[in-house]
């Protein structure tokens, strides 16, 4: 009985550490994002109250970054752990491939196929940004190890700034988004 209780306590600690890591990463990202936006003349417009805690399951856009020239509509897409690869399929499905550090003894395994939600990148009934250039961005933060698109012609490794095939959504990591904001004055 004591052993089961000990395992339960370890599971609780691991779960708390996972969510603590997620929360700290998002808070640090917010401060870097706010600094980059202020320095380069962008504004952050949240679409909901808890926008910083957005996840891949919610279909609403999390926030917009607005300048005079363009609007970046951003949806957070979080990876469960760093040691995983994200795979998108042409038919609107995705899965995570988990990598075990002891690869010799335990090969990577694939998670369940999930349907990629149809994300709504509009925030209000009347869109005040109709006349500006608009980009729909899927922000992987915390980001996976690698992102791939599984196509009929083979696998394609996606880099930050690449469009996810057949969706019209551009993929970014937190670091790539901050670099984009720094260089697109």
N, C-alpha and C. Protein backbone atom coordinates (compact mmCIF):
# COMPACT_ATOMS: atom_id res chain seq x y z
N UNK A 1 0.82 -1.19 0.00
CA UNK A 1 0.00 0.00 0.00
C UNK A 1 0.87 1.26 0.00
N UNK A 2 1.95 1.23 0.77
CA UNK A 2 2.84 2.39 0.82
C UNK A 2 3.50 2.63 -0.53
N UNK A 3 3.82 1.55 -1.24
CA UNK A 3 4.46 1.68 -2.55
C UNK A 3 3.52 2.34 -3.55
N UNK A 4 2.25 1.96 -3.54
CA UNK A 4 1.26 2.56 -4.45
C UNK A 4 1.08 4.04 -4.12
N UNK A 5 1.06 4.36 -2.84
CA UNK A 5 0.95 5.76 -2.42
C UNK A 5 2.17 6.55 -2.87
N UNK A 6 3.35 5.94 -2.77
CA UNK A 6 4.60 6.57 -3.22
C UNK A 6 4.56 6.84 -4.73
N UNK A 7 4.09 5.88 -5.52
CA UNK A 7 3.96 6.06 -6.97
C UNK A 7 2.96 7.17 -7.30
N UNK A 8 1.89 7.22 -6.57
CA UNK A 8 0.88 8.26 -6.77
C UNK A 8 1.48 9.64 -6.48
N UNK A 9 2.26 9.76 -5.42
CA UNK A 9 2.90 11.03 -5.08
C UNK A 9 3.89 11.45 -6.17
N UNK A 10 4.64 10.51 -6.70
CA UNK A 10 5.58 10.83 -7.78
C UNK A 10 4.82 11.31 -9.02
N UNK A 11 3.71 10.66 -9.34
CA UNK A 11 2.90 11.07 -10.49
C UNK A 11 2.37 12.49 -10.31
N UNK A 12 1.94 12.82 -9.11
CA UNK A 12 1.43 14.17 -8.83
C UNK A 12 2.55 15.20 -8.99
N UNK A 13 3.74 14.90 -8.49
CA UNK A 13 4.88 15.82 -8.60
C UNK A 13 5.26 16.03 -10.07
N UNK A 14 5.29 14.96 -10.85
CA UNK A 14 5.61 15.08 -12.28
C UNK A 14 4.57 15.94 -12.98
N UNK A 15 3.30 15.74 -12.68
CA UNK A 15 2.23 16.52 -13.29
C UNK A 15 2.35 18.00 -12.91
N UNK A 16 2.65 18.28 -11.66
CA UNK A 16 2.82 19.67 -11.21
C UNK A 16 4.01 20.31 -11.92
N UNK A 17 5.12 19.57 -12.04
CA UNK A 17 6.29 20.11 -12.73
C UNK A 17 6.00 20.38 -14.20
N UNK A 18 5.22 19.50 -14.84
CA UNK A 18 4.85 19.71 -16.25
C UNK A 18 4.08 21.02 -16.41
N UNK A 19 3.05 21.24 -15.60
CA UNK A 19 2.26 22.45 -15.74
C UNK A 19 3.03 23.68 -15.28
N UNK A 20 3.92 23.53 -14.32
CA UNK A 20 4.74 24.65 -13.89
C UNK A 20 5.68 25.08 -15.02
N UNK A 21 6.28 24.12 -15.71
CA UNK A 21 7.15 24.41 -16.86
C UNK A 21 6.36 25.15 -17.95
N UNK A 22 5.16 24.66 -18.25
CA UNK A 22 4.30 25.28 -19.26
C UNK A 22 4.01 26.73 -18.87
N UNK A 23 3.60 26.96 -17.64
CA UNK A 23 3.23 28.29 -17.18
C UNK A 23 4.42 29.24 -17.20
N UNK A 24 5.58 28.79 -16.74
CA UNK A 24 6.77 29.65 -16.72
C UNK A 24 7.19 30.01 -18.14
N UNK A 25 7.16 29.04 -19.06
CA UNK A 25 7.52 29.33 -20.46
C UNK A 25 6.59 30.38 -21.06
N UNK A 26 5.29 30.26 -20.80
CA UNK A 26 4.35 31.23 -21.36
C UNK A 26 4.53 32.63 -20.75
N UNK A 27 4.80 32.71 -19.47
CA UNK A 27 5.01 34.02 -18.83
C UNK A 27 6.28 34.68 -19.39
N UNK A 28 7.36 33.92 -19.51
CA UNK A 28 8.59 34.48 -20.07
C UNK A 28 8.40 34.90 -21.53
N UNK A 29 7.64 34.11 -22.28
CA UNK A 29 7.33 34.47 -23.67
C UNK A 29 6.55 35.77 -23.72
N UNK A 30 5.59 35.95 -22.82
CA UNK A 30 4.78 37.17 -22.80
C UNK A 30 5.67 38.40 -22.63
N UNK A 31 6.62 38.35 -21.69
CA UNK A 31 7.47 39.52 -21.45
C UNK A 31 8.36 39.80 -22.67
N UNK A 32 8.87 38.76 -23.31
CA UNK A 32 9.69 38.97 -24.51
C UNK A 32 8.83 39.50 -25.67
N UNK A 33 7.62 38.99 -25.80
CA UNK A 33 6.71 39.45 -26.86
C UNK A 33 6.31 40.90 -26.64
N UNK A 34 5.97 41.24 -25.42
CA UNK A 34 5.58 42.62 -25.12
C UNK A 34 6.72 43.59 -25.40
N UNK A 35 7.94 43.19 -25.04
CA UNK A 35 9.11 44.03 -25.30
C UNK A 35 9.35 44.20 -26.80
N UNK A 36 9.27 43.10 -27.57
CA UNK A 36 9.48 43.18 -29.02
C UNK A 36 8.40 44.02 -29.69
N UNK A 37 7.16 43.89 -29.25
CA UNK A 37 6.07 44.67 -29.84
C UNK A 37 6.22 46.15 -29.53
N UNK A 38 6.57 46.46 -28.31
CA UNK A 38 6.73 47.87 -27.93
C UNK A 38 7.88 48.51 -28.70
N UNK A 39 8.96 47.77 -28.87
CA UNK A 39 10.15 48.29 -29.55
C UNK A 39 9.92 48.51 -31.04
N UNK A 40 9.06 47.70 -31.67
CA UNK A 40 8.88 47.76 -33.12
C UNK A 40 7.54 48.32 -33.55
N UNK A 41 6.76 48.86 -32.63
CA UNK A 41 5.52 49.54 -32.99
C UNK A 41 4.33 48.62 -33.25
N UNK A 42 4.30 47.47 -32.64
CA UNK A 42 3.16 46.55 -32.75
C UNK A 42 2.30 46.67 -31.50
N UNK A 43 1.05 46.24 -31.64
CA UNK A 43 0.14 46.16 -30.49
C UNK A 43 -0.33 44.73 -30.32
N UNK A 44 -0.52 44.30 -29.09
CA UNK A 44 -1.07 42.99 -28.79
C UNK A 44 -2.53 43.16 -28.43
N UNK A 45 -3.40 42.48 -29.16
CA UNK A 45 -4.83 42.52 -28.87
C UNK A 45 -5.32 41.12 -28.49
N UNK A 46 -5.55 40.87 -27.19
CA UNK A 46 -6.04 39.55 -26.77
C UNK A 46 -7.47 39.33 -27.26
N UNK A 47 -7.80 38.08 -27.55
CA UNK A 47 -9.15 37.72 -27.99
C UNK A 47 -9.99 37.15 -26.86
N UNK A 48 -9.36 36.80 -25.76
CA UNK A 48 -10.09 36.26 -24.61
C UNK A 48 -9.31 36.60 -23.35
N UNK A 49 -9.92 36.39 -22.20
CA UNK A 49 -9.30 36.80 -20.95
C UNK A 49 -8.03 36.03 -20.64
N UNK A 50 -8.07 34.73 -20.74
CA UNK A 50 -6.90 33.89 -20.40
C UNK A 50 -6.14 33.51 -21.68
N UNK A 51 -5.88 34.47 -22.53
CA UNK A 51 -5.28 34.20 -23.84
C UNK A 51 -3.90 33.60 -23.74
N UNK A 52 -3.15 33.91 -22.70
CA UNK A 52 -1.79 33.40 -22.56
C UNK A 52 -1.76 31.91 -22.26
N UNK A 53 -2.86 31.36 -21.78
CA UNK A 53 -2.94 29.94 -21.47
C UNK A 53 -3.67 29.15 -22.55
N UNK A 54 -3.72 29.69 -23.76
CA UNK A 54 -4.39 29.02 -24.86
C UNK A 54 -3.77 27.66 -25.17
N UNK A 55 -4.58 26.75 -25.66
CA UNK A 55 -4.08 25.42 -25.99
C UNK A 55 -4.58 25.02 -27.37
N UNK A 56 -4.11 23.89 -27.86
CA UNK A 56 -4.46 23.43 -29.20
C UNK A 56 -5.91 22.95 -29.29
N UNK A 57 -6.56 22.68 -28.18
CA UNK A 57 -7.91 22.14 -28.21
C UNK A 57 -8.98 23.22 -28.40
N UNK A 58 -8.71 24.43 -27.94
CA UNK A 58 -9.66 25.53 -28.10
C UNK A 58 -9.59 26.04 -29.54
N UNK A 59 -10.73 26.24 -30.17
CA UNK A 59 -10.73 26.61 -31.58
C UNK A 59 -10.65 28.12 -31.82
N UNK A 60 -10.80 28.92 -30.78
CA UNK A 60 -10.76 30.37 -30.96
C UNK A 60 -9.33 30.89 -31.02
N UNK A 61 -9.13 31.93 -31.78
CA UNK A 61 -7.83 32.60 -31.86
C UNK A 61 -7.48 33.14 -30.47
N UNK A 62 -6.20 33.10 -30.11
CA UNK A 62 -5.79 33.55 -28.78
C UNK A 62 -5.50 35.05 -28.74
N UNK A 63 -4.77 35.57 -29.73
CA UNK A 63 -4.47 37.00 -29.75
C UNK A 63 -4.06 37.44 -31.15
N UNK A 64 -4.06 38.76 -31.35
CA UNK A 64 -3.62 39.37 -32.59
C UNK A 64 -2.44 40.28 -32.29
N UNK A 65 -1.53 40.35 -33.22
CA UNK A 65 -0.46 41.34 -33.19
C UNK A 65 -0.71 42.26 -34.38
N UNK A 66 -0.91 43.54 -34.09
CA UNK A 66 -1.37 44.48 -35.11
C UNK A 66 -0.33 45.57 -35.33
N UNK A 67 -0.08 45.86 -36.61
CA UNK A 67 0.73 47.02 -37.00
C UNK A 67 -0.07 47.79 -38.05
N UNK A 68 0.52 48.83 -38.60
CA UNK A 68 -0.16 49.60 -39.64
C UNK A 68 -0.29 48.79 -40.93
N UNK A 69 0.64 47.87 -41.18
CA UNK A 69 0.69 47.14 -42.43
C UNK A 69 0.00 45.78 -42.39
N UNK A 70 0.07 45.08 -41.25
CA UNK A 70 -0.41 43.71 -41.21
C UNK A 70 -0.99 43.34 -39.86
N UNK A 71 -1.73 42.24 -39.87
CA UNK A 71 -2.31 41.66 -38.66
C UNK A 71 -1.89 40.21 -38.60
N UNK A 72 -1.29 39.83 -37.48
CA UNK A 72 -0.92 38.43 -37.26
C UNK A 72 -1.93 37.85 -36.28
N UNK A 73 -2.77 36.95 -36.74
CA UNK A 73 -3.74 36.28 -35.88
C UNK A 73 -3.10 34.98 -35.40
N UNK A 74 -2.96 34.85 -34.09
CA UNK A 74 -2.14 33.78 -33.54
C UNK A 74 -2.94 32.84 -32.66
N UNK A 75 -2.73 31.54 -32.87
CA UNK A 75 -3.32 30.47 -32.08
C UNK A 75 -2.20 29.64 -31.49
N UNK A 76 -2.19 29.46 -30.16
CA UNK A 76 -1.18 28.62 -29.51
C UNK A 76 -1.44 27.15 -29.83
N UNK A 77 -0.38 26.41 -30.05
CA UNK A 77 -0.44 24.96 -30.27
C UNK A 77 0.70 24.36 -29.45
N UNK A 78 0.37 23.78 -28.31
CA UNK A 78 1.39 23.33 -27.38
C UNK A 78 1.75 21.87 -27.58
N UNK A 79 3.03 21.57 -27.43
CA UNK A 79 3.51 20.19 -27.47
C UNK A 79 3.52 19.65 -26.04
N UNK A 80 3.14 18.40 -25.86
CA UNK A 80 3.09 17.86 -24.50
C UNK A 80 4.46 17.81 -23.82
N UNK A 81 5.50 17.43 -24.57
CA UNK A 81 6.86 17.40 -24.03
C UNK A 81 7.82 17.86 -25.13
N UNK A 82 9.02 18.21 -24.76
CA UNK A 82 10.01 18.65 -25.74
C UNK A 82 10.48 17.50 -26.62
N UNK A 83 10.57 16.32 -26.08
CA UNK A 83 11.09 15.16 -26.81
C UNK A 83 9.98 14.49 -27.62
N UNK A 84 9.39 15.24 -28.53
CA UNK A 84 8.38 14.66 -29.42
C UNK A 84 8.45 15.37 -30.77
N UNK A 85 7.99 14.68 -31.79
CA UNK A 85 7.87 15.26 -33.12
C UNK A 85 6.39 15.40 -33.43
N UNK A 86 6.03 16.48 -34.09
CA UNK A 86 4.66 16.73 -34.49
C UNK A 86 4.52 16.41 -35.96
N UNK A 87 3.53 15.59 -36.31
CA UNK A 87 3.30 15.19 -37.70
C UNK A 87 1.90 15.62 -38.12
N UNK A 88 1.83 16.37 -39.22
CA UNK A 88 0.55 16.76 -39.82
C UNK A 88 0.30 15.90 -41.05
N UNK A 89 -0.94 15.47 -41.24
CA UNK A 89 -1.33 14.72 -42.43
C UNK A 89 -2.13 15.62 -43.36
N UNK A 90 -2.21 15.21 -44.63
CA UNK A 90 -2.97 15.98 -45.63
C UNK A 90 -4.46 16.02 -45.31
N UNK A 91 -4.97 14.99 -44.71
CA UNK A 91 -6.42 14.89 -44.47
C UNK A 91 -6.86 15.58 -43.19
N UNK A 92 -6.04 16.46 -42.62
CA UNK A 92 -6.44 17.24 -41.45
C UNK A 92 -6.23 16.54 -40.13
N UNK A 93 -5.39 15.53 -40.10
CA UNK A 93 -5.08 14.83 -38.86
C UNK A 93 -3.65 15.16 -38.42
N UNK A 94 -3.39 14.99 -37.14
CA UNK A 94 -2.04 15.16 -36.62
C UNK A 94 -1.80 14.16 -35.51
N UNK A 95 -0.53 13.91 -35.23
CA UNK A 95 -0.16 13.08 -34.08
C UNK A 95 1.23 13.47 -33.61
N UNK A 96 1.54 13.10 -32.37
CA UNK A 96 2.85 13.33 -31.81
C UNK A 96 3.60 12.00 -31.79
N UNK A 97 4.85 12.04 -32.17
CA UNK A 97 5.72 10.87 -32.10
C UNK A 97 6.69 11.13 -30.95
N UNK A 98 6.56 10.34 -29.90
CA UNK A 98 7.34 10.55 -28.68
C UNK A 98 8.69 9.86 -28.79
N UNK A 99 9.74 10.59 -28.42
CA UNK A 99 11.11 10.09 -28.52
C UNK A 99 11.61 9.81 -27.10
N UNK A 100 12.09 8.61 -26.90
CA UNK A 100 12.64 8.22 -25.61
C UNK A 100 14.15 8.42 -25.68
N UNK A 101 14.76 9.10 -24.70
CA UNK A 101 16.21 9.34 -24.76
C UNK A 101 17.04 8.06 -24.85
N UNK A 102 16.56 6.96 -24.31
CA UNK A 102 17.28 5.68 -24.38
C UNK A 102 16.83 4.94 -25.63
N UNK A 103 17.09 5.53 -26.80
CA UNK A 103 16.57 5.01 -28.06
C UNK A 103 17.00 3.57 -28.33
N UNK A 104 18.17 3.21 -27.90
CA UNK A 104 18.65 1.85 -28.13
C UNK A 104 17.73 0.81 -27.51
N UNK A 105 17.20 1.16 -26.36
CA UNK A 105 16.41 0.19 -25.62
C UNK A 105 14.91 0.36 -25.83
N UNK A 106 14.50 1.55 -26.24
CA UNK A 106 13.06 1.82 -26.40
C UNK A 106 12.87 2.72 -27.63
N UNK A 107 12.38 2.19 -28.73
CA UNK A 107 12.20 3.01 -29.93
C UNK A 107 11.09 4.04 -29.74
N UNK A 108 11.05 5.08 -30.57
CA UNK A 108 9.98 6.08 -30.48
C UNK A 108 8.62 5.44 -30.71
N UNK A 109 7.60 6.01 -30.11
CA UNK A 109 6.24 5.51 -30.34
C UNK A 109 5.32 6.65 -30.70
N UNK A 110 4.30 6.32 -31.47
CA UNK A 110 3.37 7.33 -31.97
C UNK A 110 2.15 7.43 -31.08
N UNK A 111 1.69 8.66 -30.88
CA UNK A 111 0.47 8.88 -30.15
C UNK A 111 -0.73 8.64 -31.06
N UNK A 112 -1.90 8.89 -30.55
CA UNK A 112 -3.13 8.68 -31.31
C UNK A 112 -3.30 9.76 -32.36
N UNK A 113 -3.88 9.39 -33.49
CA UNK A 113 -4.24 10.38 -34.52
C UNK A 113 -5.37 11.24 -33.99
N UNK A 114 -5.22 12.55 -34.13
CA UNK A 114 -6.26 13.48 -33.70
C UNK A 114 -6.61 14.38 -34.86
N UNK A 115 -7.82 14.84 -34.88
CA UNK A 115 -8.25 15.75 -35.94
C UNK A 115 -7.84 17.17 -35.58
N UNK A 116 -7.22 17.84 -36.53
CA UNK A 116 -6.84 19.23 -36.34
C UNK A 116 -8.11 20.08 -36.36
N UNK A 117 -8.40 20.79 -35.27
CA UNK A 117 -9.62 21.60 -35.25
C UNK A 117 -9.61 22.69 -36.32
N UNK A 118 -10.77 23.11 -36.73
CA UNK A 118 -10.88 24.24 -37.65
C UNK A 118 -10.83 25.49 -36.78
N UNK A 119 -9.70 26.18 -36.83
CA UNK A 119 -9.49 27.33 -35.96
C UNK A 119 -10.16 28.57 -36.54
N UNK A 120 -10.78 29.36 -35.66
CA UNK A 120 -11.42 30.61 -36.03
C UNK A 120 -10.45 31.73 -35.67
N UNK A 121 -9.85 32.34 -36.68
CA UNK A 121 -8.84 33.37 -36.45
C UNK A 121 -9.45 34.77 -36.36
N UNK A 122 -10.77 34.88 -36.41
CA UNK A 122 -11.43 36.16 -36.21
C UNK A 122 -11.81 36.28 -34.74
N UNK A 123 -11.74 37.48 -34.24
CA UNK A 123 -11.92 37.68 -32.81
C UNK A 123 -13.26 38.33 -32.49
N UNK A 124 -13.77 39.14 -33.36
CA UNK A 124 -15.00 39.88 -33.10
C UNK A 124 -15.96 39.70 -34.27
N UNK A 125 -17.26 39.93 -34.05
CA UNK A 125 -18.21 39.83 -35.17
C UNK A 125 -17.88 40.78 -36.31
N UNK A 126 -17.57 42.05 -36.02
CA UNK A 126 -17.12 42.97 -37.07
C UNK A 126 -15.61 42.99 -37.00
N UNK A 127 -15.01 42.66 -38.09
CA UNK A 127 -13.54 42.59 -38.14
C UNK A 127 -12.98 43.96 -38.46
N UNK A 128 -12.29 44.61 -37.51
CA UNK A 128 -11.74 45.94 -37.78
C UNK A 128 -10.49 45.91 -38.67
N UNK A 129 -9.98 44.73 -38.99
CA UNK A 129 -8.74 44.62 -39.75
C UNK A 129 -9.00 44.13 -41.18
N UNK A 130 -10.15 44.40 -41.73
CA UNK A 130 -10.51 43.86 -43.05
C UNK A 130 -9.56 44.30 -44.16
N UNK A 131 -9.08 45.52 -44.11
CA UNK A 131 -8.28 46.07 -45.20
C UNK A 131 -6.78 45.84 -45.06
N UNK A 132 -6.36 45.18 -43.99
CA UNK A 132 -4.94 44.96 -43.78
C UNK A 132 -4.56 43.54 -44.18
N UNK A 133 -3.28 43.39 -44.52
CA UNK A 133 -2.75 42.07 -44.83
C UNK A 133 -2.85 41.22 -43.56
N UNK A 134 -3.33 40.00 -43.71
CA UNK A 134 -3.57 39.15 -42.55
C UNK A 134 -2.85 37.81 -42.71
N UNK A 135 -2.26 37.35 -41.61
CA UNK A 135 -1.61 36.04 -41.59
C UNK A 135 -2.15 35.25 -40.42
N UNK A 136 -2.57 34.01 -40.69
CA UNK A 136 -3.03 33.11 -39.63
C UNK A 136 -1.84 32.26 -39.20
N UNK A 137 -1.50 32.32 -37.92
CA UNK A 137 -0.29 31.68 -37.42
C UNK A 137 -0.63 30.67 -36.34
N UNK A 138 -0.03 29.49 -36.47
CA UNK A 138 -0.10 28.47 -35.43
C UNK A 138 1.23 28.53 -34.69
N UNK A 139 1.20 28.99 -33.45
CA UNK A 139 2.41 29.21 -32.67
C UNK A 139 2.67 28.01 -31.78
N UNK A 140 3.68 27.24 -32.11
CA UNK A 140 4.05 26.06 -31.32
C UNK A 140 4.86 26.53 -30.12
N UNK A 141 4.21 26.58 -28.97
CA UNK A 141 4.90 27.00 -27.75
C UNK A 141 4.22 26.39 -26.54
N UNK A 142 4.87 25.57 -25.75
CA UNK A 142 6.18 24.97 -25.92
C UNK A 142 6.24 24.16 -27.21
N UNK A 143 7.39 24.24 -27.84
CA UNK A 143 7.51 23.66 -29.18
C UNK A 143 8.00 22.22 -29.14
N UNK A 144 7.62 21.45 -30.14
CA UNK A 144 8.13 20.08 -30.25
C UNK A 144 9.55 20.08 -30.80
N UNK A 145 10.14 18.93 -30.81
CA UNK A 145 11.50 18.77 -31.32
C UNK A 145 11.56 19.08 -32.82
N UNK A 146 10.60 18.56 -33.57
CA UNK A 146 10.57 18.74 -35.02
C UNK A 146 9.12 18.67 -35.49
N UNK A 147 8.83 19.37 -36.59
CA UNK A 147 7.48 19.35 -37.17
C UNK A 147 7.60 18.83 -38.60
N UNK A 148 6.75 17.88 -38.93
CA UNK A 148 6.77 17.28 -40.26
C UNK A 148 5.37 17.28 -40.85
N UNK A 149 5.33 17.29 -42.18
CA UNK A 149 4.08 17.13 -42.90
C UNK A 149 4.17 15.82 -43.66
N UNK A 150 3.25 14.92 -43.41
CA UNK A 150 3.21 13.63 -44.11
C UNK A 150 2.32 13.80 -45.33
N UNK A 151 2.94 13.83 -46.50
CA UNK A 151 2.23 14.01 -47.76
C UNK A 151 2.27 12.71 -48.55
N UNK A 152 1.47 12.63 -49.59
CA UNK A 152 1.49 11.44 -50.45
C UNK A 152 2.85 11.24 -51.09
N UNK A 153 3.53 12.36 -51.38
CA UNK A 153 4.83 12.28 -52.03
C UNK A 153 5.97 12.02 -51.04
N UNK A 154 5.70 11.98 -49.76
CA UNK A 154 6.72 11.73 -48.76
C UNK A 154 6.60 12.69 -47.59
N UNK A 155 7.59 12.66 -46.72
CA UNK A 155 7.60 13.55 -45.56
C UNK A 155 8.34 14.83 -45.87
N UNK A 156 7.83 15.92 -45.31
CA UNK A 156 8.42 17.24 -45.49
C UNK A 156 8.66 17.83 -44.11
N UNK A 157 9.88 18.23 -43.82
CA UNK A 157 10.19 18.88 -42.54
C UNK A 157 9.79 20.34 -42.66
N UNK A 158 8.94 20.80 -41.74
CA UNK A 158 8.48 22.18 -41.77
C UNK A 158 9.35 23.05 -40.87
N UNK A 159 9.73 24.18 -41.39
CA UNK A 159 10.52 25.16 -40.64
C UNK A 159 9.60 26.30 -40.23
N UNK A 160 10.00 27.11 -39.24
CA UNK A 160 9.19 28.27 -38.89
C UNK A 160 9.00 29.18 -40.10
N UNK A 161 7.79 29.58 -40.33
CA UNK A 161 7.45 30.41 -41.48
C UNK A 161 6.88 29.63 -42.64
N UNK A 162 6.93 28.31 -42.57
CA UNK A 162 6.34 27.47 -43.62
C UNK A 162 4.84 27.31 -43.38
N UNK A 163 4.12 27.14 -44.48
CA UNK A 163 2.68 26.91 -44.37
C UNK A 163 2.41 25.42 -44.18
N UNK A 164 1.50 25.12 -43.28
CA UNK A 164 1.09 23.74 -43.09
C UNK A 164 0.25 23.36 -44.31
N UNK A 165 0.62 22.29 -45.02
CA UNK A 165 -0.07 21.96 -46.27
C UNK A 165 -1.59 21.80 -46.10
N UNK A 166 -2.31 22.38 -47.06
CA UNK A 166 -3.77 22.27 -47.18
C UNK A 166 -4.54 22.96 -46.04
N UNK A 167 -3.90 23.88 -45.31
CA UNK A 167 -4.63 24.56 -44.24
C UNK A 167 -4.63 26.08 -44.39
N UNK A 168 -3.60 26.63 -45.02
CA UNK A 168 -3.49 28.09 -45.11
C UNK A 168 -2.98 28.72 -43.83
N UNK A 169 -2.48 27.90 -42.90
CA UNK A 169 -1.97 28.38 -41.62
C UNK A 169 -0.44 28.30 -41.64
N UNK A 170 0.20 29.37 -41.18
CA UNK A 170 1.66 29.43 -41.14
C UNK A 170 2.13 28.96 -39.77
N UNK A 171 3.18 28.16 -39.76
CA UNK A 171 3.73 27.60 -38.54
C UNK A 171 4.87 28.47 -38.03
N UNK A 172 4.86 28.77 -36.73
CA UNK A 172 5.93 29.54 -36.10
C UNK A 172 6.26 28.94 -34.75
N UNK A 173 7.51 29.11 -34.33
CA UNK A 173 7.89 28.84 -32.95
C UNK A 173 7.97 30.21 -32.25
N UNK A 174 8.09 30.21 -30.94
CA UNK A 174 8.15 31.47 -30.21
C UNK A 174 9.37 32.29 -30.62
N UNK A 175 10.51 31.63 -30.74
CA UNK A 175 11.74 32.33 -31.12
C UNK A 175 11.63 32.90 -32.53
N UNK A 176 11.05 32.14 -33.45
CA UNK A 176 10.89 32.61 -34.82
C UNK A 176 9.92 33.79 -34.90
N UNK A 177 8.87 33.77 -34.10
CA UNK A 177 7.92 34.89 -34.10
C UNK A 177 8.59 36.16 -33.59
N UNK A 178 9.36 36.05 -32.52
CA UNK A 178 10.07 37.22 -32.01
C UNK A 178 11.08 37.76 -33.01
N UNK A 179 11.77 36.86 -33.71
CA UNK A 179 12.71 37.29 -34.76
C UNK A 179 11.97 37.96 -35.90
N UNK A 180 10.81 37.43 -36.28
CA UNK A 180 10.01 38.04 -37.34
C UNK A 180 9.58 39.45 -36.95
N UNK A 181 9.16 39.63 -35.71
CA UNK A 181 8.75 40.96 -35.25
C UNK A 181 9.92 41.93 -35.24
N UNK A 182 11.10 41.45 -34.90
CA UNK A 182 12.29 42.32 -34.87
C UNK A 182 12.68 42.78 -36.28
N UNK A 183 12.51 41.92 -37.28
CA UNK A 183 13.01 42.23 -38.63
C UNK A 183 11.96 42.73 -39.60
N UNK A 184 10.71 42.82 -39.19
CA UNK A 184 9.68 43.26 -40.14
C UNK A 184 9.13 44.62 -39.74
N UNK A 185 9.98 45.59 -39.68
CA UNK A 185 9.56 46.96 -39.33
C UNK A 185 8.90 47.63 -40.50
